[in-house]
Protein backbone atom coordinates (compact mmCIF):
# COMPACT_ATOMS: atom_id res chain seq x y z
CA UNK A 1 73.88 297.43 35.90
CA UNK A 2 75.29 300.29 33.79
CA UNK A 3 78.78 298.90 33.18
CA UNK A 4 81.12 298.24 30.25
CA UNK A 5 79.54 299.11 26.86
CA UNK A 6 76.26 300.09 28.51
CA UNK A 7 77.98 303.23 29.85
CA UNK A 8 78.63 304.35 26.29
CA UNK A 9 75.13 303.41 25.17
CA UNK A 10 73.76 305.47 28.06
CA UNK A 11 75.79 308.48 26.98
CA UNK A 12 73.00 309.39 24.57
CA UNK A 13 70.40 309.33 27.35
CA UNK A 14 72.64 311.21 29.79
CA UNK A 15 73.53 313.95 27.33
CA UNK A 16 70.34 314.43 25.36
CA UNK A 17 67.62 313.50 27.86
CA UNK A 18 69.12 314.69 31.14
CA UNK A 19 71.57 317.34 29.87
CA UNK A 20 74.46 315.70 31.75
CA UNK A 21 78.09 315.72 30.74
CA UNK A 22 79.22 312.67 28.77
CA UNK A 23 80.78 309.88 30.82
CA UNK A 24 84.08 310.09 28.98
CA UNK A 25 84.51 313.49 27.37
CA UNK A 26 87.13 313.16 24.66
CA UNK A 27 86.73 316.42 22.78
CA UNK A 28 84.89 319.67 23.17
CA UNK A 29 81.85 318.03 21.57
CA UNK A 30 80.33 314.80 22.97
CA UNK A 31 81.58 312.01 20.72
CA UNK A 32 81.00 308.28 21.03
CA UNK A 33 81.90 305.41 18.74
CA UNK A 34 78.69 303.59 19.65
CA UNK A 35 75.45 304.01 17.75
CA UNK A 36 72.29 305.22 19.42
CA UNK A 37 70.33 301.99 18.90
CA UNK A 38 70.71 300.65 22.41
CA UNK A 39 69.70 304.02 23.88
CA UNK A 40 66.49 303.65 21.85
CA UNK A 41 65.92 300.20 23.33
CA UNK A 42 66.45 301.57 26.85
CA UNK A 43 63.83 304.31 26.43
CA UNK A 44 60.78 302.19 27.41
CA UNK A 45 62.57 301.26 30.65
CA UNK A 46 63.62 304.85 31.27
CA UNK A 47 60.01 306.04 30.78
CA UNK A 48 58.61 303.39 33.15
CA UNK A 49 61.33 304.21 35.68
CA UNK A 50 60.56 307.91 35.40
CA UNK A 51 56.85 307.31 36.01
CA UNK A 52 57.53 305.06 39.03
CA UNK A 53 60.04 307.46 40.58
CA UNK A 54 57.59 310.33 40.02
CA UNK A 55 54.85 308.35 41.81
CA UNK A 56 57.17 307.49 44.70
CA UNK A 57 58.71 310.95 44.86
CA UNK A 58 62.28 309.64 44.44
CA UNK A 59 65.19 311.41 42.74
CA UNK A 60 65.22 310.84 38.97
CA UNK A 61 68.97 310.18 38.70
CA UNK A 62 68.64 307.09 36.53
CA UNK A 63 72.30 306.12 36.93
CA UNK A 64 72.01 305.61 40.71
CA UNK A 65 68.28 305.13 41.32
CA UNK A 66 67.50 301.49 42.24
CA UNK A 67 64.14 301.60 40.45
CA UNK A 68 65.79 302.50 37.15
CA UNK A 69 68.51 299.92 37.73
CA UNK A 70 66.01 297.14 38.40
CA UNK A 71 63.81 298.02 35.41
CA UNK A 72 66.85 298.26 33.11
CA UNK A 73 68.08 294.91 34.43
CA UNK A 74 64.79 293.22 33.53
CA UNK A 75 64.66 294.85 30.11
CA UNK A 76 67.16 292.27 28.81
CA UNK A 77 64.81 289.48 29.89
CA UNK A 78 61.89 291.33 28.27
CA UNK A 79 63.70 291.54 24.92
CA UNK A 80 64.74 287.89 25.11
CA UNK A 81 61.13 286.94 25.80
CA UNK A 82 59.94 288.95 22.78
CA UNK A 83 62.56 287.17 20.66
CA UNK A 84 61.42 283.76 21.92
CA UNK A 85 57.78 284.64 21.18
CA UNK A 86 58.61 285.63 17.61
CA UNK A 87 60.75 282.51 17.22
CA UNK A 88 57.83 280.40 18.40
CA UNK A 89 55.58 282.08 15.81
CA UNK A 90 58.12 281.25 13.12
CA UNK A 91 58.56 277.63 14.18
CA UNK A 92 54.78 277.00 14.41
CA UNK A 93 54.78 276.88 10.63
CA UNK A 94 56.91 273.73 10.56
CA UNK A 95 57.05 272.07 13.99
CA UNK A 96 54.67 270.77 16.67
CA UNK A 97 54.45 272.38 20.15
CA UNK A 98 56.66 269.84 21.97
CA UNK A 99 59.54 270.30 19.54
CA UNK A 100 59.08 274.09 19.62
CA UNK A 101 59.38 274.08 23.42
CA UNK A 102 62.56 272.01 23.19
CA UNK A 103 64.04 274.30 20.53
CA UNK A 104 63.21 277.45 22.54
CA UNK A 105 64.73 275.95 25.70
CA UNK A 106 67.90 274.93 23.86
CA UNK A 107 68.25 278.35 22.24
CA UNK A 108 67.69 280.20 25.50
CA UNK A 109 69.70 278.01 27.86
CA UNK A 110 72.20 276.54 25.38
CA UNK A 111 73.49 279.77 23.85
CA UNK A 112 74.99 283.01 25.11
CA UNK A 113 71.49 284.49 25.28
CA UNK A 114 71.01 283.13 28.80
CA UNK A 115 74.32 284.60 29.96
CA UNK A 116 73.60 288.04 28.51
CA UNK A 117 70.07 288.12 29.90
CA UNK A 118 71.31 287.13 33.36
CA UNK A 119 74.75 288.72 33.68
CA UNK A 120 74.86 291.63 31.21
CA UNK A 121 71.27 292.53 30.33
CA UNK A 122 72.10 295.98 28.91
CA UNK A 123 74.31 294.62 26.17
CA UNK A 124 72.97 294.44 22.62
CA UNK A 125 72.49 290.67 22.45
CA UNK A 126 68.91 290.31 23.76
CA UNK A 127 67.47 293.24 21.77
CA UNK A 128 69.29 292.06 18.63
CA UNK A 129 67.84 288.58 19.14
CA UNK A 130 64.35 290.04 19.55
CA UNK A 131 64.56 292.34 16.55
CA UNK A 132 66.23 289.70 14.37
CA UNK A 133 63.50 287.12 15.04
CA UNK A 134 60.82 289.78 14.53
CA UNK A 135 62.37 290.75 11.19
CA UNK A 136 62.52 287.08 10.14
CA UNK A 137 58.89 286.59 11.21
CA UNK A 138 57.70 289.54 9.11
CA UNK A 139 59.91 288.46 6.21
CA UNK A 140 58.27 285.03 6.17
CA UNK A 141 54.82 286.62 6.50
CA UNK A 142 55.62 288.62 3.38
CA UNK A 143 55.61 285.39 1.36
CA UNK A 144 52.17 284.43 2.67
CA UNK A 145 50.52 287.77 1.91
CA UNK A 146 52.03 291.11 0.97
CA UNK A 147 50.54 293.81 3.20
CA UNK A 148 51.53 297.27 4.30
CA UNK A 149 51.62 296.07 7.94
CA UNK A 150 54.15 293.39 7.02
CA UNK A 151 56.34 295.88 5.16
CA UNK A 152 56.21 298.36 8.04
CA UNK A 153 57.09 295.59 10.52
CA UNK A 154 60.07 294.57 8.43
CA UNK A 155 61.21 298.16 8.08
CA UNK A 156 60.92 298.98 11.79
CA UNK A 157 62.82 295.92 12.95
CA UNK A 158 65.49 296.25 10.24
CA UNK A 159 65.95 299.91 11.22
CA UNK A 160 66.28 299.00 14.90
CA UNK A 161 68.77 296.25 14.11
CA UNK A 162 70.83 298.64 12.01
CA UNK A 163 70.71 301.36 14.68
CA UNK A 164 72.08 298.90 17.24
CA UNK A 165 74.80 297.47 15.02
CA UNK A 166 75.17 298.78 11.48
CA UNK A 167 76.54 295.42 10.33
CA UNK A 168 73.14 293.87 11.14
CA UNK A 169 71.92 295.31 7.84
CA UNK A 170 73.15 292.05 6.31
CA UNK A 171 69.94 290.40 7.51
CA UNK A 172 68.12 292.38 4.81
CA UNK A 173 69.23 289.78 2.25
CA UNK A 174 67.25 287.04 4.02
CA UNK A 175 64.01 287.69 2.09
CA UNK A 176 65.92 287.53 -1.20
CA UNK A 177 67.64 284.27 -0.27
CA UNK A 178 64.33 282.79 0.86
CA UNK A 179 62.63 283.98 -2.35
CA UNK A 180 65.22 282.40 -4.65
CA UNK A 181 65.46 279.10 -2.75
CA UNK A 182 61.74 278.35 -2.79
CA UNK A 183 60.83 275.44 -5.04
CA UNK A 184 57.96 277.12 -6.83
CA UNK A 185 57.69 277.93 -10.55
CA UNK A 186 59.28 281.20 -11.70
CA UNK A 187 55.95 282.33 -13.08
CA UNK A 188 54.51 282.25 -9.54
CA UNK A 189 57.57 284.04 -8.15
CA UNK A 190 57.17 286.87 -10.65
CA UNK A 191 53.51 287.33 -9.63
CA UNK A 192 54.76 287.89 -6.10
């Protein structure tokens, strides 16, 4: 499961959590060109794997332990499911349930999301999908009612998106675009 880019994402966990040597030491100091965002998304799986291996009395070497491997494998599906749930919450505002089910099926099976969940679950695609839809959901909620919870939700998911891929910060302009394209009087927009 830990192949290609996932090896570099796991460098953070190997070095800082387990005190291991980096996979590909390039200098005297551990250096990687990848951000730590994916390592953050792996942490729930690592914690669950640690608890299960502790209960079963198995070695905690997450890179070879089949329990860790299986949990990490299913984490991609978990993030895709979270993304689909948030997307459903967004679409409920405009569409009926039958159309929502069709849209969710087309998005899951008709895009690369299905491939990355099934073949390369440790890549950034499923978590980015989940965090992007969560950010969009909280952004749209902001226009219904401004609350601290909504702002915190937007901030957390934008931060996670940016940690995974710094270029994802571009999604932060979505609330502004949505704000300026709404067909409501400017006096109501200013009261926002």
